[in-house]
C-alpha atoms as a PDB file:
ATOM      1  CA  MET A   1       2.556 -13.778 -29.623  1.00  0.00           C
ATOM      2  CA  SER A   2       3.875 -15.143 -26.331  1.00  0.00           C
ATOM      3  CA  THR A   3       7.511 -15.034 -25.373  1.00  0.00           C
ATOM      4  CA  CYS A   4       9.542 -18.038 -24.312  1.00  0.00           C
ATOM      5  CA  ARG A   5       9.623 -16.744 -20.733  1.00  0.00           C
ATOM      6  CA  GLU A   6       5.811 -16.592 -20.567  1.00  0.00           C
ATOM      7  CA  VAL A   7       5.516 -20.146 -21.893  1.00  0.00           C
ATOM      8  CA  LEU A   8       7.971 -21.432 -19.276  1.00  0.00           C
ATOM      9  CA  MET A   9       6.093 -19.660 -16.490  1.00  0.00           C
ATOM     10  CA  VAL A  10       2.793 -21.240 -17.573  1.00  0.00           C
ATOM     11  CA  HIS A  11       4.195 -24.793 -17.592  1.00  0.00           C
ATOM     12  CA  GLN A  12       6.220 -24.464 -14.389  1.00  0.00           C
ATOM     13  CA  GLU A  13       4.588 -26.294 -11.494  1.00  0.00           C
ATOM     14  CA  LYS A  14       4.625 -24.654  -8.087  1.00  0.00           C
ATOM     15  CA  TYR A  15       4.836 -26.735  -4.944  1.00  0.00           C
ATOM     16  CA  ASP A  16       4.051 -25.166  -1.581  1.00  0.00           C
ATOM     17  CA  ARG A  17       5.410 -28.062   0.496  1.00  0.00           C
ATOM     18  CA  TYR A  18       8.623 -29.923  -0.205  1.00  0.00           C
ATOM     19  CA  ALA A  19      11.803 -31.029   1.540  1.00  0.00           C
ATOM     20  CA  ILE A  20      15.422 -31.786   0.668  1.00  0.00           C
ATOM     21  CA  PHE A  21      16.879 -34.977   2.155  1.00  0.00           C
ATOM     22  CA  ALA A  22      20.200 -36.800   1.872  1.00  0.00           C
ATOM     23  CA  THR A  23      20.807 -40.487   1.236  1.00  0.00           C
ATOM     24  CA  GLY A  24      23.597 -42.386  -0.471  1.00  0.00           C
ATOM     25  CA  GLY A  25      25.868 -39.334  -0.453  1.00  0.00           C
ATOM     26  CA  LYS A  26      23.459 -37.316  -2.599  1.00  0.00           C
ATOM     27  CA  GLN A  27      20.621 -34.872  -1.987  1.00  0.00           C
ATOM     28  CA  TYR A  28      17.100 -35.298  -3.378  1.00  0.00           C
ATOM     29  CA  GLN A  29      13.915 -33.215  -3.413  1.00  0.00           C
ATOM     30  CA  ALA A  30      10.896 -34.829  -1.769  1.00  0.00           C
ATOM     31  CA  ILE A  31       7.397 -33.800  -2.860  1.00  0.00           C
ATOM     32  CA  GLU A  32       4.440 -35.744  -1.465  1.00  0.00           C
ATOM     33  CA  GLY A  33       3.056 -38.168  -4.051  1.00  0.00           C
ATOM     34  CA  LYS A  34       6.028 -37.899  -6.430  1.00  0.00           C
ATOM     35  CA  THR A  35       8.508 -40.675  -7.293  1.00  0.00           C
ATOM     36  CA  VAL A  36      12.282 -40.312  -6.987  1.00  0.00           C
ATOM     37  CA  ALA A  37      15.067 -42.625  -8.223  1.00  0.00           C
ATOM     38  CA  ILE A  38      17.755 -42.835  -5.514  1.00  0.00           C
ATOM     39  CA  GLU A  39      20.871 -44.914  -4.868  1.00  0.00           C
ATOM     40  CA  LYS A  40      20.101 -48.594  -4.235  1.00  0.00           C
ATOM     41  CA  ILE A  41      18.539 -49.447  -0.886  1.00  0.00           C
ATOM     42  CA  ASN A  42      17.818 -53.091  -0.064  1.00  0.00           C
ATOM     43  CA  GLY A  43      14.137 -53.952   0.189  1.00  0.00           C
ATOM     44  CA  GLU A  44      11.181 -55.364  -1.703  1.00  0.00           C
ATOM     45  CA  ALA A  45       8.538 -53.383  -3.558  1.00  0.00           C
ATOM     46  CA  GLY A  46       5.998 -51.993  -1.106  1.00  0.00           C
ATOM     47  CA  ALA A  47       8.426 -51.761   1.822  1.00  0.00           C
ATOM     48  CA  ILE A  48       8.255 -48.580   3.905  1.00  0.00           C
ATOM     49  CA  LEU A  49      11.392 -46.439   4.335  1.00  0.00           C
ATOM     50  CA  GLU A  50      12.096 -43.504   6.650  1.00  0.00           C
ATOM     51  CA  PHE A  51      14.729 -40.872   5.939  1.00  0.00           C
ATOM     52  CA  ASP A  52      15.748 -38.844   8.986  1.00  0.00           C
ATOM     53  CA  SER A  53      18.443 -36.646   7.411  1.00  0.00           C
ATOM     54  CA  VAL A  54      16.129 -33.800   6.343  1.00  0.00           C
ATOM     55  CA  LEU A  55      18.255 -30.781   5.360  1.00  0.00           C
ATOM     56  CA  PHE A  56      15.596 -28.259   4.273  1.00  0.00           C
ATOM     57  CA  ARG A  57      11.822 -28.004   4.488  1.00  0.00           C
ATOM     58  CA  LYS A  58       9.453 -25.540   2.800  1.00  0.00           C
ATOM     59  CA  LEU A  59       6.233 -25.294   4.774  1.00  0.00           C
ATOM     60  CA  GLY A  60       4.208 -22.842   2.734  1.00  0.00           C
ATOM     61  CA  GLU A  61       4.326 -19.503   0.999  1.00  0.00           C
ATOM     62  CA  GLY A  62       7.449 -17.786   2.354  1.00  0.00           C
ATOM     63  CA  GLN A  63       7.893 -20.197   5.265  1.00  0.00           C
ATOM     64  CA  PHE A  64      10.857 -22.562   5.391  1.00  0.00           C
ATOM     65  CA  GLU A  65      13.247 -24.285   7.801  1.00  0.00           C
ATOM     66  CA  VAL A  66      16.946 -24.873   7.277  1.00  0.00           C
ATOM     67  CA  GLY A  67      18.743 -27.589   9.231  1.00  0.00           C
ATOM     68  CA  THR A  68      22.035 -27.079  11.025  1.00  0.00           C
ATOM     69  CA  PRO A  69      22.943 -29.728   9.809  1.00  0.00           C
ATOM     70  CA  VAL A  70      19.630 -31.679   9.940  1.00  0.00           C
ATOM     71  CA  LEU A  71      16.041 -30.987  10.997  1.00  0.00           C
ATOM     72  CA  PRO A  72      13.924 -33.029  13.395  1.00  0.00           C
ATOM     73  CA  GLY A  73      11.292 -35.084  11.626  1.00  0.00           C
ATOM     74  CA  LYS A  74      11.296 -37.756   8.965  1.00  0.00           C
ATOM     75  CA  ILE A  75      10.311 -38.381   5.381  1.00  0.00           C
ATOM     76  CA  THR A  76       8.265 -41.538   4.874  1.00  0.00           C
ATOM     77  CA  ALA A  77       8.477 -43.288   1.503  1.00  0.00           C
ATOM     78  CA  SER A  78       7.599 -46.643  -0.037  1.00  0.00           C
ATOM     79  CA  ILE A  79       9.649 -48.630  -2.536  1.00  0.00           C
ATOM     80  CA  VAL A  80       8.058 -48.787  -5.985  1.00  0.00           C
ATOM     81  CA  LYS A  81      10.675 -50.972  -7.721  1.00  0.00           C
ATOM     82  CA  GLN A  82      14.345 -51.881  -7.980  1.00  0.00           C
ATOM     83  CA  THR A  83      15.852 -50.952 -11.348  1.00  0.00           C
ATOM     84  CA  LYS A  84      19.084 -50.033 -13.134  1.00  0.00           C
ATOM     85  CA  ASP A  85      20.260 -46.939 -15.025  1.00  0.00           C
ATOM     86  CA  PRO A  86      20.979 -47.153 -18.755  1.00  0.00           C
ATOM     87  CA  LYS A  87      24.275 -48.806 -19.663  1.00  0.00           C
ATOM     88  CA  LEU A  88      27.430 -46.697 -19.643  1.00  0.00           C
ATOM     89  CA  ILE A  89      30.386 -47.753 -21.783  1.00  0.00           C
ATOM     90  CA  VAL A  90      33.808 -47.499 -20.110  1.00  0.00           C
ATOM     91  CA  PHE A  91      36.600 -47.619 -22.719  1.00  0.00           C
ATOM     92  CA  LYS A  92      40.243 -47.482 -21.660  1.00  0.00           C
ATOM     93  CA  PHE A  93      42.910 -46.937 -24.300  1.00  0.00           C
ATOM     94  CA  LYS A  94      46.668 -46.520 -24.159  1.00  0.00           C
ATOM     95  CA  ARG A  95      48.274 -45.458 -27.376  1.00  0.00           C
ATOM     96  CA  ARG A  96      51.203 -47.390 -28.850  1.00  0.00           C
ATOM     97  CA  ASN A  97      50.751 -50.219 -26.317  1.00  0.00           C
ATOM     98  CA  LYS A  98      47.914 -52.279 -27.831  1.00  0.00           C
ATOM     99  CA  VAL A  99      45.910 -51.742 -24.658  1.00  0.00           C
ATOM    100  CA  ARG A 100      42.169 -51.513 -25.267  1.00  0.00           C
ATOM    101  CA  VAL A 101      39.645 -52.412 -22.572  1.00  0.00           C
ATOM    102  CA  LYS A 102      35.895 -52.025 -23.079  1.00  0.00           C
ATOM    103  CA  ASN A 103      33.542 -52.512 -20.140  1.00  0.00           C
ATOM    104  CA  GLY A 104      29.895 -51.695 -19.495  1.00  0.00           C
ATOM    105  CA  HIS A 105      28.252 -50.610 -16.253  1.00  0.00           C
ATOM    106  CA  ARG A 106      24.646 -50.217 -15.083  1.00  0.00           C
ATOM    107  CA  GLN A 107      24.170 -48.426 -11.772  1.00  0.00           C
ATOM    108  CA  PRO A 108      21.458 -50.012  -9.585  1.00  0.00           C
ATOM    109  CA  LYS A 109      18.696 -47.628  -8.440  1.00  0.00           C
ATOM    110  CA  THR A 110      15.674 -47.779  -6.150  1.00  0.00           C
ATOM    111  CA  VAL A 111      12.527 -45.938  -7.212  1.00  0.00           C
ATOM    112  CA  ILE A 112      10.587 -44.627  -4.197  1.00  0.00           C
ATOM    113  CA  ARG A 113       7.291 -42.763  -3.795  1.00  0.00           C
ATOM    114  CA  ILE A 114       7.210 -40.040  -1.154  1.00  0.00           C
ATOM    115  CA  GLU A 115       4.255 -40.700   1.163  1.00  0.00           C
ATOM    116  CA  LYS A 116       4.604 -38.082   3.929  1.00  0.00           C
ATOM    117  CA  ILE A 117       6.865 -35.215   4.914  1.00  0.00           C
ATOM    118  CA  ALA A 118       6.815 -34.756   8.693  1.00  0.00           C
END
Protein backbone atom coordinates (compact mmCIF):
# COMPACT_ATOMS: atom_id res chain seq x y z
CA MET A 1 0.00 0.00 0.00
CA SER A 2 1.43 3.37 -1.02
CA THR A 3 1.43 6.37 1.24
CA CYS A 4 0.00 9.75 0.32
CA ARG A 5 3.52 11.20 0.11
CA GLU A 6 4.58 8.57 -2.45
CA VAL A 7 1.50 9.26 -4.58
CA LEU A 8 2.21 13.01 -4.56
CA MET A 9 5.83 12.44 -5.55
CA VAL A 10 4.79 10.27 -8.51
CA HIS A 11 2.34 12.86 -9.89
CA GLN A 12 4.56 15.90 -9.29
CA GLU A 13 6.06 17.21 -12.51
CA LYS A 14 9.66 18.37 -12.47
CA TYR A 15 10.80 21.22 -14.68
CA ASP A 16 14.50 21.82 -15.23
CA ARG A 17 14.07 25.24 -16.86
CA TYR A 18 11.71 27.94 -15.66
CA ALA A 19 11.69 31.62 -14.76
CA ILE A 20 9.76 33.99 -12.51
CA PHE A 21 8.68 37.29 -14.08
CA ALA A 22 6.64 40.28 -12.92
CA THR A 23 3.81 42.04 -14.73
CA GLY A 24 0.74 43.90 -13.54
CA GLY A 25 2.07 44.09 -9.98
CA LYS A 26 2.16 40.30 -9.63
CA GLN A 27 4.72 37.55 -10.15
CA TYR A 28 4.17 34.53 -12.41
CA GLN A 29 6.09 31.34 -13.21
CA ALA A 30 7.07 30.90 -16.85
CA ILE A 31 7.62 27.39 -18.23
CA GLU A 32 8.19 27.00 -21.97
CA GLY A 33 5.06 25.72 -23.71
CA LYS A 34 2.73 26.34 -20.75
CA THR A 35 -0.15 28.86 -20.61
CA VAL A 36 -0.53 31.48 -17.89
CA ALA A 37 -3.48 33.79 -17.12
CA ILE A 38 -2.12 37.25 -16.26
CA GLU A 39 -3.55 40.73 -15.70
CA LYS A 40 -5.09 42.23 -18.85
CA ILE A 41 -2.67 43.40 -21.52
CA ASN A 42 -4.05 45.02 -24.67
CA GLY A 43 -3.55 43.00 -27.84
CA GLU A 44 -5.19 40.55 -30.20
CA ALA A 45 -4.85 36.78 -30.13
CA GLY A 46 -1.57 35.74 -31.72
CA ALA A 47 0.29 38.94 -30.82
CA ILE A 48 3.83 38.52 -29.49
CA LEU A 49 4.74 39.95 -26.06
CA GLU A 50 8.12 40.38 -24.37
CA PHE A 51 8.56 40.60 -20.61
CA ASP A 52 11.89 42.07 -19.53
CA SER A 53 11.39 42.06 -15.75
CA VAL A 54 12.78 38.56 -15.12
CA LEU A 55 13.35 38.10 -11.37
CA PHE A 56 14.60 34.50 -11.19
CA ARG A 57 15.76 31.88 -13.67
CA LYS A 58 16.46 28.17 -13.15
CA LEU A 59 18.84 26.92 -15.81
CA GLY A 60 19.18 23.26 -14.94
CA GLU A 61 19.81 20.84 -12.12
CA GLY A 62 21.18 22.97 -9.27
CA GLN A 63 21.89 26.00 -11.46
CA PHE A 64 19.92 29.22 -11.03
CA GLU A 65 20.22 33.00 -11.28
CA VAL A 66 18.64 35.55 -8.97
CA GLY A 67 18.13 39.13 -10.14
CA THR A 68 19.09 42.17 -8.11
CA PRO A 69 16.37 43.34 -8.86
CA VAL A 70 16.04 42.01 -12.45
CA LEU A 71 18.07 39.79 -14.78
CA PRO A 72 19.17 40.59 -18.33
CA GLY A 73 17.16 38.72 -20.93
CA LYS A 74 13.51 38.47 -21.86
CA ILE A 75 10.60 36.09 -21.82
CA THR A 76 8.78 35.83 -25.14
CA ALA A 77 5.09 34.91 -25.10
CA SER A 78 2.09 34.99 -27.43
CA ILE A 79 -1.48 35.93 -26.56
CA VAL A 80 -3.88 32.99 -26.67
CA LYS A 81 -7.10 34.84 -25.78
CA GLN A 82 -8.66 37.67 -23.78
CA THR A 83 -11.04 36.42 -21.09
CA LYS A 84 -12.58 37.25 -17.71
CA ASP A 85 -12.46 35.60 -14.28
CA PRO A 86 -15.62 34.12 -12.76
CA LYS A 87 -18.04 36.67 -11.31
CA LEU A 88 -17.47 37.90 -7.77
CA ILE A 89 -20.41 39.25 -5.77
CA VAL A 90 -19.72 42.44 -3.79
CA PHE A 91 -22.43 42.98 -1.14
CA LYS A 92 -22.34 46.04 1.12
CA PHE A 93 -24.64 46.17 4.12
CA LYS A 94 -25.12 48.67 6.93
CA ARG A 95 -27.33 47.51 9.73
CA ARG A 96 -30.27 49.61 10.92
CA ASN A 97 -29.90 52.00 7.96
CA LYS A 98 -31.67 50.14 5.13
CA VAL A 99 -28.45 50.26 3.12
CA ARG A 100 -27.95 47.22 0.90
CA VAL A 101 -25.85 47.38 -2.26
CA LYS A 102 -25.18 44.31 -4.41
CA ASN A 103 -22.68 44.54 -7.26
CA GLY A 104 -20.88 41.99 -9.42
CA HIS A 105 -17.37 42.15 -10.84
CA ARG A 106 -15.43 40.11 -13.42
CA GLN A 107 -11.70 40.80 -13.60
CA PRO A 108 -10.36 40.86 -17.18
CA LYS A 109 -7.44 38.48 -17.86
CA THR A 110 -5.09 37.72 -20.74
CA VAL A 111 -4.12 34.10 -21.35
CA ILE A 112 -0.58 33.83 -22.76
CA ARG A 113 1.58 30.91 -23.91
CA ILE A 114 5.26 31.07 -23.00
CA GLU A 115 7.31 30.61 -26.18
CA LYS A 116 10.92 31.18 -25.08
CA ILE A 117 12.89 31.98 -21.95
CA ALA A 118 16.09 33.83 -22.86
